[in-house]
Amino acid sequence: MSKWQQQLRTWISRYFDLPSDVMLDLPRITTIGSIHVYIENHTGLLHFSDEEVRIQYKKGQVRILGKDLGVKMMLKEELLLEGELKSVEFLPE
């Protein structure tokens, strides 16, 4: 996406008071303490183990590190993980 398109999306998002995660194709990540993480607006699960999960989104990857991680629910663009969360990292493209 060009810089002009991104600026236009940002302006439209602000003008119409739309959530920036939707307009800018960013993931929405919600944690519940350190036991659950809910990820919306992702494009795929890249890696899964009981200590690391990597998820693709349009501008890069999200890496979640923890202990005893498990998938509680998985839909096309939504994922609910449970376990002992240690970190959430954003990795560029």
PDB file of N, CA and C in Angstrom:
ATOM      1  N   MET A   1       0.839  -1.161   0.000  1.00  0.00           N
ATOM      2  CA  MET A   1       0.000   0.000   0.000  1.00  0.00           C
ATOM      3  C   MET A   1       0.895   1.238   0.000  1.00  0.00           C
ATOM      4  N   SER A   2       0.588   2.194  -0.877  1.00  0.00           N
ATOM      5  CA  SER A   2       1.421   3.387  -0.977  1.00  0.00           C
ATOM      6  C   SER A   2       1.198   4.308   0.220  1.00  0.00           C
ATOM      7  N   LYS A   3       2.117   5.223   0.399  1.00  0.00           N
ATOM      8  CA  LYS A   3       2.029   6.156   1.514  1.00  0.00           C
ATOM      9  C   LYS A   3       0.762   7.009   1.401  1.00  0.00           C
ATOM     10  N   TRP A   4       0.414   7.411   0.178  1.00  0.00           N
ATOM     11  CA  TRP A   4      -0.794   8.203  -0.056  1.00  0.00           C
ATOM     12  C   TRP A   4      -2.043   7.439   0.349  1.00  0.00           C
ATOM     13  N   GLN A   5      -2.118   6.156  -0.013  1.00  0.00           N
ATOM     14  CA  GLN A   5      -3.278   5.346   0.345  1.00  0.00           C
ATOM     15  C   GLN A   5      -3.387   5.187   1.862  1.00  0.00           C
ATOM     16  N   GLN A   6      -2.267   5.001   2.509  1.00  0.00           N
ATOM     17  CA  GLN A   6      -2.285   4.847   3.961  1.00  0.00           C
ATOM     18  C   GLN A   6      -2.733   6.140   4.634  1.00  0.00           C
ATOM     19  N   GLN A   7      -2.275   7.290   4.139  1.00  0.00           N
ATOM     20  CA  GLN A   7      -2.702   8.569   4.703  1.00  0.00           C
ATOM     21  C   GLN A   7      -4.197   8.778   4.498  1.00  0.00           C
ATOM     22  N   LEU A   8      -4.715   8.397   3.326  1.00  0.00           N
ATOM     23  CA  LEU A   8      -6.134   8.517   3.052  1.00  0.00           C
ATOM     24  C   LEU A   8      -6.945   7.628   3.997  1.00  0.00           C
ATOM     25  N   ARG A   9      -6.508   6.396   4.189  1.00  0.00           N
ATOM     26  CA  ARG A   9      -7.201   5.493   5.114  1.00  0.00           C
ATOM     27  C   ARG A   9      -7.190   6.045   6.536  1.00  0.00           C
ATOM     28  N   THR A  10      -6.074   6.601   6.959  1.00  0.00           N
ATOM     29  CA  THR A  10      -5.981   7.185   8.298  1.00  0.00           C
ATOM     30  C   THR A  10      -6.952   8.354   8.428  1.00  0.00           C
ATOM     31  N   TRP A  11      -7.002   9.224   7.418  1.00  0.00           N
ATOM     32  CA  TRP A  11      -7.907  10.371   7.458  1.00  0.00           C
ATOM     33  C   TRP A  11      -9.369   9.913   7.498  1.00  0.00           C
ATOM     34  N   ILE A  12      -9.739   8.936   6.660  1.00  0.00           N
ATOM     35  CA  ILE A  12     -11.112   8.423   6.634  1.00  0.00           C
ATOM     36  C   ILE A  12     -11.460   7.800   7.983  1.00  0.00           C
ATOM     37  N   SER A  13     -10.529   7.063   8.542  1.00  0.00           N
ATOM     38  CA  SER A  13     -10.749   6.438   9.843  1.00  0.00           C
ATOM     39  C   SER A  13     -11.047   7.479  10.911  1.00  0.00           C
ATOM     40  N   ARG A  14     -10.284   8.548  10.925  1.00  0.00           N
ATOM     41  CA  ARG A  14     -10.505   9.607  11.917  1.00  0.00           C
ATOM     42  C   ARG A  14     -11.798  10.374  11.645  1.00  0.00           C
ATOM     43  N   TYR A  15     -12.042  10.717  10.375  1.00  0.00           N
ATOM     44  CA  TYR A  15     -13.220  11.507  10.024  1.00  0.00           C
ATOM     45  C   TYR A  15     -14.517  10.790  10.377  1.00  0.00           C
ATOM     46  N   PHE A  16     -14.601   9.506  10.056  1.00  0.00           N
ATOM     47  CA  PHE A  16     -15.815   8.740  10.319  1.00  0.00           C
ATOM     48  C   PHE A  16     -15.782   8.020  11.668  1.00  0.00           C
ATOM     49  N   ASP A  17     -14.726   8.259  12.449  1.00  0.00           N
ATOM     50  CA  ASP A  17     -14.573   7.654  13.771  1.00  0.00           C
ATOM     51  C   ASP A  17     -14.635   6.127  13.698  1.00  0.00           C
ATOM     52  N   LEU A  18     -13.913   5.566  12.727  1.00  0.00           N
ATOM     53  CA  LEU A  18     -13.850   4.118  12.548  1.00  0.00           C
ATOM     54  C   LEU A  18     -12.639   3.569  13.295  1.00  0.00           C
ATOM     55  N   PRO A  19     -12.706   2.322  13.752  1.00  0.00           N
ATOM     56  CA  PRO A  19     -11.545   1.730  14.430  1.00  0.00           C
ATOM     57  C   PRO A  19     -10.357   1.633  13.479  1.00  0.00           C
ATOM     58  N   SER A  20      -9.199   2.089  13.917  1.00  0.00           N
ATOM     59  CA  SER A  20      -8.020   2.093  13.053  1.00  0.00           C
ATOM     60  C   SER A  20      -7.558   0.686  12.690  1.00  0.00           C
ATOM     61  N   ASP A  21      -7.797  -0.310  13.563  1.00  0.00           N
ATOM     62  CA  ASP A  21      -7.367  -1.665  13.239  1.00  0.00           C
ATOM     63  C   ASP A  21      -8.086  -2.182  11.996  1.00  0.00           C
ATOM     64  N   VAL A  22      -9.340  -1.802  11.801  1.00  0.00           N
ATOM     65  CA  VAL A  22     -10.099  -2.248  10.630  1.00  0.00           C
ATOM     66  C   VAL A  22      -9.612  -1.527   9.384  1.00  0.00           C
ATOM     67  N   MET A  23      -9.458  -0.222   9.462  1.00  0.00           N
ATOM     68  CA  MET A  23      -9.070   0.574   8.296  1.00  0.00           C
ATOM     69  C   MET A  23      -7.629   0.309   7.861  1.00  0.00           C
ATOM     70  N   LEU A  24      -6.749   0.029   8.782  1.00  0.00           N
ATOM     71  CA  LEU A  24      -5.333  -0.120   8.455  1.00  0.00           C
ATOM     72  C   LEU A  24      -4.880  -1.576   8.405  1.00  0.00           C
ATOM     73  N   ASP A  25      -5.818  -2.510   8.414  1.00  0.00           N
ATOM     74  CA  ASP A  25      -5.500  -3.946   8.352  1.00  0.00           C
ATOM     75  C   ASP A  25      -4.545  -4.388   9.454  1.00  0.00           C
ATOM     76  N   LEU A  26      -4.791  -3.919  10.651  1.00  0.00           N
ATOM     77  CA  LEU A  26      -3.976  -4.295  11.799  1.00  0.00           C
ATOM     78  C   LEU A  26      -4.708  -5.332  12.640  1.00  0.00           C
ATOM     79  N   PRO A  27      -3.966  -6.202  13.307  1.00  0.00           N
ATOM     80  CA  PRO A  27      -4.637  -7.162  14.179  1.00  0.00           C
ATOM     81  C   PRO A  27      -5.104  -6.490  15.461  1.00  0.00           C
ATOM     82  N   ARG A  28      -6.211  -6.974  15.995  1.00  0.00           N
ATOM     83  CA  ARG A  28      -6.688  -6.519  17.303  1.00  0.00           C
ATOM     84  C   ARG A  28      -6.382  -7.648  18.274  1.00  0.00           C
ATOM     85  N   ILE A  29      -5.607  -7.336  19.308  1.00  0.00           N
ATOM     86  CA  ILE A  29      -5.179  -8.349  20.267  1.00  0.00           C
ATOM     87  C   ILE A  29      -5.677  -7.950  21.647  1.00  0.00           C
ATOM     88  N   THR A  30      -6.418  -8.857  22.259  1.00  0.00           N
ATOM     89  CA  THR A  30      -6.961  -8.624  23.596  1.00  0.00           C
ATOM     90  C   THR A  30      -6.431  -9.717  24.515  1.00  0.00           C
ATOM     91  N   THR A  31      -5.847  -9.315  25.631  1.00  0.00           N
ATOM     92  CA  THR A  31      -5.388 -10.307  26.605  1.00  0.00           C
ATOM     93  C   THR A  31      -6.267 -10.232  27.846  1.00  0.00           C
ATOM     94  N   ILE A  32      -6.477 -11.376  28.450  1.00  0.00           N
ATOM     95  CA  ILE A  32      -7.188 -11.472  29.710  1.00  0.00           C
ATOM     96  C   ILE A  32      -6.170 -11.978  30.720  1.00  0.00           C
ATOM     97  N   GLY A  33      -5.648 -11.039  31.483  1.00  0.00           N
ATOM     98  CA  GLY A  33      -4.558 -11.380  32.390  1.00  0.00           C
ATOM     99  C   GLY A  33      -3.403 -11.963  31.590  1.00  0.00           C
ATOM    100  N   SER A  34      -2.827 -13.006  32.104  1.00  0.00           N
ATOM    101  CA  SER A  34      -1.753 -13.697  31.373  1.00  0.00           C
ATOM    102  C   SER A  34      -2.180 -15.120  31.037  1.00  0.00           C
ATOM    103  N   ILE A  35      -3.513 -15.344  30.927  1.00  0.00           N
ATOM    104  CA  ILE A  35      -3.984 -16.708  30.660  1.00  0.00           C
ATOM    105  C   ILE A  35      -4.704 -16.871  29.319  1.00  0.00           C
ATOM    106  N   HIS A  36      -5.214 -15.770  28.732  1.00  0.00           N
ATOM    107  CA  HIS A  36      -5.893 -15.856  27.437  1.00  0.00           C
ATOM    108  C   HIS A  36      -5.430 -14.725  26.535  1.00  0.00           C
ATOM    109  N   VAL A  37      -5.372 -14.991  25.241  1.00  0.00           N
ATOM    110  CA  VAL A  37      -5.138 -13.943  24.248  1.00  0.00           C
ATOM    111  C   VAL A  37      -6.094 -14.194  23.084  1.00  0.00           C
ATOM    112  N   TYR A  38      -6.797 -13.134  22.681  1.00  0.00           N
ATOM    113  CA  TYR A  38      -7.778 -13.194  21.601  1.00  0.00           C
ATOM    114  C   TYR A  38      -7.277 -12.311  20.476  1.00  0.00           C
ATOM    115  N   ILE A  39      -7.080 -12.887  19.290  1.00  0.00           N
ATOM    116  CA  ILE A  39      -6.534 -12.169  18.145  1.00  0.00           C
ATOM    117  C   ILE A  39      -7.578 -12.125  17.041  1.00  0.00           C
ATOM    118  N   GLU A  40      -7.858 -10.925  16.558  1.00  0.00           N
ATOM    119  CA  GLU A  40      -8.789 -10.736  15.447  1.00  0.00           C
ATOM    120  C   GLU A  40      -8.029 -10.127  14.272  1.00  0.00           C
ATOM    121  N   ASN A  41      -8.552 -10.307  13.077  1.00  0.00           N
ATOM    122  CA  ASN A  41      -8.031  -9.701  11.856  1.00  0.00           C
ATOM    123  C   ASN A  41      -6.634 -10.220  11.494  1.00  0.00           C
ATOM    124  N   HIS A  42      -6.437 -11.518  11.606  1.00  0.00           N
ATOM    125  CA  HIS A  42      -5.179 -12.118  11.166  1.00  0.00           C
ATOM    126  C   HIS A  42      -5.438 -12.852   9.844  1.00  0.00           C
ATOM    127  N   THR A  43      -4.365 -13.238   9.172  1.00  0.00           N
ATOM    128  CA  THR A  43      -4.530 -13.920   7.879  1.00  0.00           C
ATOM    129  C   THR A  43      -4.071 -15.370   7.903  1.00  0.00           C
ATOM    130  N   GLY A  44      -3.590 -15.853   9.050  1.00  0.00           N
ATOM    131  CA  GLY A  44      -3.221 -17.263   9.103  1.00  0.00           C
ATOM    132  C   GLY A  44      -2.317 -17.614  10.265  1.00  0.00           C
ATOM    133  N   LEU A  45      -2.368 -18.867  10.637  1.00  0.00           N
ATOM    134  CA  LEU A  45      -1.517 -19.418  11.684  1.00  0.00           C
ATOM    135  C   LEU A  45      -0.281 -20.011  11.008  1.00  0.00           C
ATOM    136  N   LEU A  46       0.909 -19.511  11.361  1.00  0.00           N
ATOM    137  CA  LEU A  46       2.153 -19.948  10.720  1.00  0.00           C
ATOM    138  C   LEU A  46       2.873 -21.044  11.495  1.00  0.00           C
ATOM    139  N   HIS A  47       2.853 -20.937  12.813  1.00  0.00           N
ATOM    140  CA  HIS A  47       3.594 -21.891  13.645  1.00  0.00           C
ATOM    141  C   HIS A  47       2.848 -22.048  14.965  1.00  0.00           C
ATOM    142  N   PHE A  48       2.799 -23.281  15.434  1.00  0.00           N
ATOM    143  CA  PHE A  48       2.160 -23.526  16.722  1.00  0.00           C
ATOM    144  C   PHE A  48       2.934 -24.586  17.490  1.00  0.00           C
ATOM    145  N   SER A  49       3.263 -24.263  18.723  1.00  0.00           N
ATOM    146  CA  SER A  49       3.815 -25.241  19.670  1.00  0.00           C
ATOM    147  C   SER A  49       3.314 -24.830  21.048  1.00  0.00           C
ATOM    148  N   ASP A  50       3.639 -25.608  22.065  1.00  0.00           N
ATOM    149  CA  ASP A  50       3.156 -25.261  23.401  1.00  0.00           C
ATOM    150  C   ASP A  50       3.909 -24.086  24.015  1.00  0.00           C
ATOM    151  N   GLU A  51       4.967 -23.582  23.324  1.00  0.00           N
ATOM    152  CA  GLU A  51       5.727 -22.444  23.835  1.00  0.00           C
ATOM    153  C   GLU A  51       5.744 -21.240  22.903  1.00  0.00           C
ATOM    154  N   GLU A  52       5.356 -21.414  21.618  1.00  0.00           N
ATOM    155  CA  GLU A  52       5.391 -20.302  20.658  1.00  0.00           C
ATOM    156  C   GLU A  52       4.272 -20.444  19.640  1.00  0.00           C
ATOM    157  N   VAL A  53       3.632 -19.311  19.337  1.00  0.00           N
ATOM    158  CA  VAL A  53       2.629 -19.238  18.274  1.00  0.00           C
ATOM    159  C   VAL A  53       2.989 -18.047  17.411  1.00  0.00           C
ATOM    160  N   ARG A  54       3.042 -18.256  16.085  1.00  0.00           N
ATOM    161  CA  ARG A  54       3.275 -17.157  15.155  1.00  0.00           C
ATOM    162  C   ARG A  54       2.069 -17.045  14.235  1.00  0.00           C
ATOM    163  N   ILE A  55       1.568 -15.808  14.106  1.00  0.00           N
ATOM    164  CA  ILE A  55       0.366 -15.531  13.330  1.00  0.00           C
ATOM    165  C   ILE A  55       0.702 -14.473  12.285  1.00  0.00           C
ATOM    166  N   GLN A  56       0.240 -14.677  11.072  1.00  0.00           N
ATOM    167  CA  GLN A  56       0.456 -13.732   9.981  1.00  0.00           C
ATOM    168  C   GLN A  56      -0.650 -12.691   9.965  1.00  0.00           C
ATOM    169  N   TYR A  57      -0.277 -11.449   9.697  1.00  0.00           N
ATOM    170  CA  TYR A  57      -1.245 -10.414   9.362  1.00  0.00           C
ATOM    171  C   TYR A  57      -0.685  -9.661   8.171  1.00  0.00           C
ATOM    172  N   LYS A  58      -1.433  -8.728   7.605  1.00  0.00           N
ATOM    173  CA  LYS A  58      -1.060  -8.152   6.311  1.00  0.00           C
ATOM    174  C   LYS A  58       0.279  -7.436   6.305  1.00  0.00           C
ATOM    175  N   LYS A  59       0.749  -6.948   7.438  1.00  0.00           N
ATOM    176  CA  LYS A  59       1.988  -6.181   7.457  1.00  0.00           C
ATOM    177  C   LYS A  59       3.118  -6.872   8.198  1.00  0.00           C
ATOM    178  N   GLY A  60       2.956  -8.126   8.554  1.00  0.00           N
ATOM    179  CA  GLY A  60       4.006  -8.838   9.268  1.00  0.00           C
ATOM    180  C   GLY A  60       3.476 -10.020  10.040  1.00  0.00           C
ATOM    181  N   GLN A  61       4.102 -10.270  11.175  1.00  0.00           N
ATOM    182  CA  GLN A  61       3.730 -11.409  12.005  1.00  0.00           C
ATOM    183  C   GLN A  61       3.612 -10.983  13.469  1.00  0.00           C
ATOM    184  N   VAL A  62       2.844 -11.745  14.212  1.00  0.00           N
ATOM    185  CA  VAL A  62       2.754 -11.599  15.661  1.00  0.00           C
ATOM    186  C   VAL A  62       3.291 -12.897  16.255  1.00  0.00           C
ATOM    187  N   ARG A  63       4.222 -12.769  17.198  1.00  0.00           N
ATOM    188  CA  ARG A  63       4.764 -13.945  17.875  1.00  0.00           C
ATOM    189  C   ARG A  63       4.355 -13.887  19.339  1.00  0.00           C
ATOM    190  N   ILE A  64       3.752 -14.961  19.796  1.00  0.00           N
ATOM    191  CA  ILE A  64       3.308 -15.063  21.173  1.00  0.00           C
ATOM    192  C   ILE A  64       4.117 -16.160  21.838  1.00  0.00           C
ATOM    193  N   LEU A  65       4.783 -15.814  22.922  1.00  0.00           N
ATOM    194  CA  LEU A  65       5.578 -16.783  23.675  1.00  0.00           C
ATOM    195  C   LEU A  65       4.888 -17.068  24.993  1.00  0.00           C
ATOM    196  N   GLY A  66       4.978 -18.310  25.433  1.00  0.00           N
ATOM    197  CA  GLY A  66       4.347 -18.681  26.685  1.00  0.00           C
ATOM    198  C   GLY A  66       4.654 -20.110  27.068  1.00  0.00           C
ATOM    199  N   LYS A  67       3.824 -20.648  27.938  1.00  0.00           N
ATOM    200  CA  LYS A  67       3.998 -22.008  28.433  1.00  0.00           C
ATOM    201  C   LYS A  67       2.645 -22.696  28.376  1.00  0.00           C
ATOM    202  N   ASP A  68       2.636 -23.936  27.940  1.00  0.00           N
ATOM    203  CA  ASP A  68       1.405 -24.727  27.832  1.00  0.00           C
ATOM    204  C   ASP A  68       0.335 -24.028  26.993  1.00  0.00           C
ATOM    205  N   LEU A  69       0.748 -23.410  25.872  1.00  0.00           N
ATOM    206  CA  LEU A  69      -0.197 -22.711  25.003  1.00  0.00           C
ATOM    207  C   LEU A  69      -1.083 -23.712  24.273  1.00  0.00           C
ATOM    208  N   GLY A  70      -2.334 -23.348  24.109  1.00  0.00           N
ATOM    209  CA  GLY A  70      -3.282 -24.196  23.393  1.00  0.00           C
ATOM    210  C   GLY A  70      -4.310 -23.345  22.674  1.00  0.00           C
ATOM    211  N   VAL A  71      -4.825 -23.873  21.581  1.00  0.00           N
ATOM    212  CA  VAL A  71      -5.863 -23.181  20.826  1.00  0.00           C
ATOM    213  C   VAL A  71      -7.214 -23.568  21.406  1.00  0.00           C
ATOM    214  N   LYS A  72      -7.938 -22.583  21.897  1.00  0.00           N
ATOM    215  CA  LYS A  72      -9.265 -22.833  22.447  1.00  0.00           C
ATOM    216  C   LYS A  72     -10.340 -22.676  21.372  1.00  0.00           C
ATOM    217  N   MET A  73     -10.132 -21.714  20.438  1.00  0.00           N
ATOM    218  CA  MET A  73     -11.068 -21.484  19.348  1.00  0.00           C
ATOM    219  C   MET A  73     -10.303 -20.910  18.163  1.00  0.00           C
ATOM    220  N   MET A  74     -10.656 -21.355  16.956  1.00  0.00           N
ATOM    221  CA  MET A  74     -10.022 -20.822  15.756  1.00  0.00           C
ATOM    222  C   MET A  74     -11.060 -20.689  14.659  1.00  0.00           C
ATOM    223  N   LEU A  75     -11.220 -19.457  14.185  1.00  0.00           N
ATOM    224  CA  LEU A  75     -12.077 -19.154  13.049  1.00  0.00           C
ATOM    225  C   LEU A  75     -11.213 -18.550  11.954  1.00  0.00           C
ATOM    226  N   LYS A  76     -11.826 -18.172  10.840  1.00  0.00           N
ATOM    227  CA  LYS A  76     -11.064 -17.671   9.696  1.00  0.00           C
ATOM    228  C   LYS A  76     -10.154 -16.498  10.061  1.00  0.00           C
ATOM    229  N   GLU A  77     -10.656 -15.503  10.789  1.00  0.00           N
ATOM    230  CA  GLU A  77      -9.864 -14.327  11.140  1.00  0.00           C
ATOM    231  C   GLU A  77      -9.776 -14.105  12.647  1.00  0.00           C
ATOM    232  N   GLU A  78     -10.126 -15.114  13.435  1.00  0.00           N
ATOM    233  CA  GLU A  78     -10.105 -14.981  14.891  1.00  0.00           C
ATOM    234  C   GLU A  78      -9.420 -16.197  15.509  1.00  0.00           C
ATOM    235  N   LEU A  79      -8.740 -15.952  16.620  1.00  0.00           N
ATOM    236  CA  LEU A  79      -8.027 -17.024  17.305  1.00  0.00           C
ATOM    237  C   LEU A  79      -8.034 -16.741  18.805  1.00  0.00           C
ATOM    238  N   LEU A  80      -8.374 -17.748  19.590  1.00  0.00           N
ATOM    239  CA  LEU A  80      -8.341 -17.632  21.046  1.00  0.00           C
ATOM    240  C   LEU A  80      -7.358 -18.659  21.577  1.00  0.00           C
ATOM    241  N   LEU A  81      -6.323 -18.164  22.255  1.00  0.00           N
ATOM    242  CA  LEU A  81      -5.291 -19.026  22.837  1.00  0.00           C
ATOM    243  C   LEU A  81      -5.400 -18.979  24.349  1.00  0.00           C
ATOM    244  N   GLU A  82      -5.042 -20.082  24.985  1.00  0.00           N
ATOM    245  CA  GLU A  82      -4.967 -20.099  26.438  1.00  0.00           C
ATOM    246  C   GLU A  82      -3.670 -20.746  26.856  1.00  0.00           C
ATOM    247  N   GLY A  83      -3.222 -20.407  28.028  1.00  0.00           N
ATOM    248  CA  GLY A  83      -1.964 -20.898  28.572  1.00  0.00           C
ATOM    249  C   GLY A  83      -1.333 -19.788  29.391  1.00  0.00           C
ATOM    250  N   GLU A  84      -0.097 -19.965  29.743  1.00  0.00           N
ATOM    251  CA  GLU A  84       0.628 -18.946  30.511  1.00  0.00           C
ATOM    252  C   GLU A  84       1.373 -18.044  29.537  1.00  0.00           C
ATOM    253  N   LEU A  85       0.859 -16.838  29.301  1.00  0.00           N
ATOM    254  CA  LEU A  85       1.453 -15.905  28.347  1.00  0.00           C
ATOM    255  C   LEU A  85       2.670 -15.217  28.948  1.00  0.00           C
ATOM    256  N   LYS A  86       3.729 -15.117  28.120  1.00  0.00           N
ATOM    257  CA  LYS A  86       4.944 -14.423  28.572  1.00  0.00           C
ATOM    258  C   LYS A  86       5.184 -13.153  27.778  1.00  0.00           C
ATOM    259  N   SER A  87       4.935 -13.184  26.446  1.00  0.00           N
ATOM    260  CA  SER A  87       5.168 -11.980  25.640  1.00  0.00           C
ATOM    261  C   SER A  87       4.392 -12.047  24.330  1.00  0.00           C
ATOM    262  N   VAL A  88       4.126 -10.855  23.805  1.00  0.00           N
ATOM    263  CA  VAL A  88       3.515 -10.683  22.486  1.00  0.00           C
ATOM    264  C   VAL A  88       4.424  -9.736  21.723  1.00  0.00           C
ATOM    265  N   GLU A  89       4.928 -10.185  20.559  1.00  0.00           N
ATOM    266  CA  GLU A  89       5.874  -9.393  19.775  1.00  0.00           C
ATOM    267  C   GLU A  89       5.347  -9.211  18.370  1.00  0.00           C
ATOM    268  N   PHE A  90       5.624  -8.026  17.787  1.00  0.00           N
ATOM    269  CA  PHE A  90       5.281  -7.758  16.397  1.00  0.00           C
ATOM    270  C   PHE A  90       6.553  -7.830  15.569  1.00  0.00           C
ATOM    271  N   LEU A  91       6.535  -8.686  14.545  1.00  0.00           N
ATOM    272  CA  LEU A  91       7.688  -8.862  13.671  1.00  0.00           C
ATOM    273  C   LEU A  91       7.355  -8.253  12.314  1.00  0.00           C
ATOM    274  N   PRO A  92       8.201  -7.360  11.780  1.00  0.00           N
ATOM    275  CA  PRO A  92       7.909  -6.759  10.489  1.00  0.00           C
ATOM    276  C   PRO A  92       7.982  -7.772   9.352  1.00  0.00           C
ATOM    277  N   GLU A  93       7.480  -7.377   8.201  1.00  0.00           N
ATOM    278  CA  GLU A  93       7.479  -8.256   7.017  1.00  0.00           C
ATOM    279  C   GLU A  93       8.862  -8.723   6.655  1.00  0.00           C
TER     280      GLU A  93
END
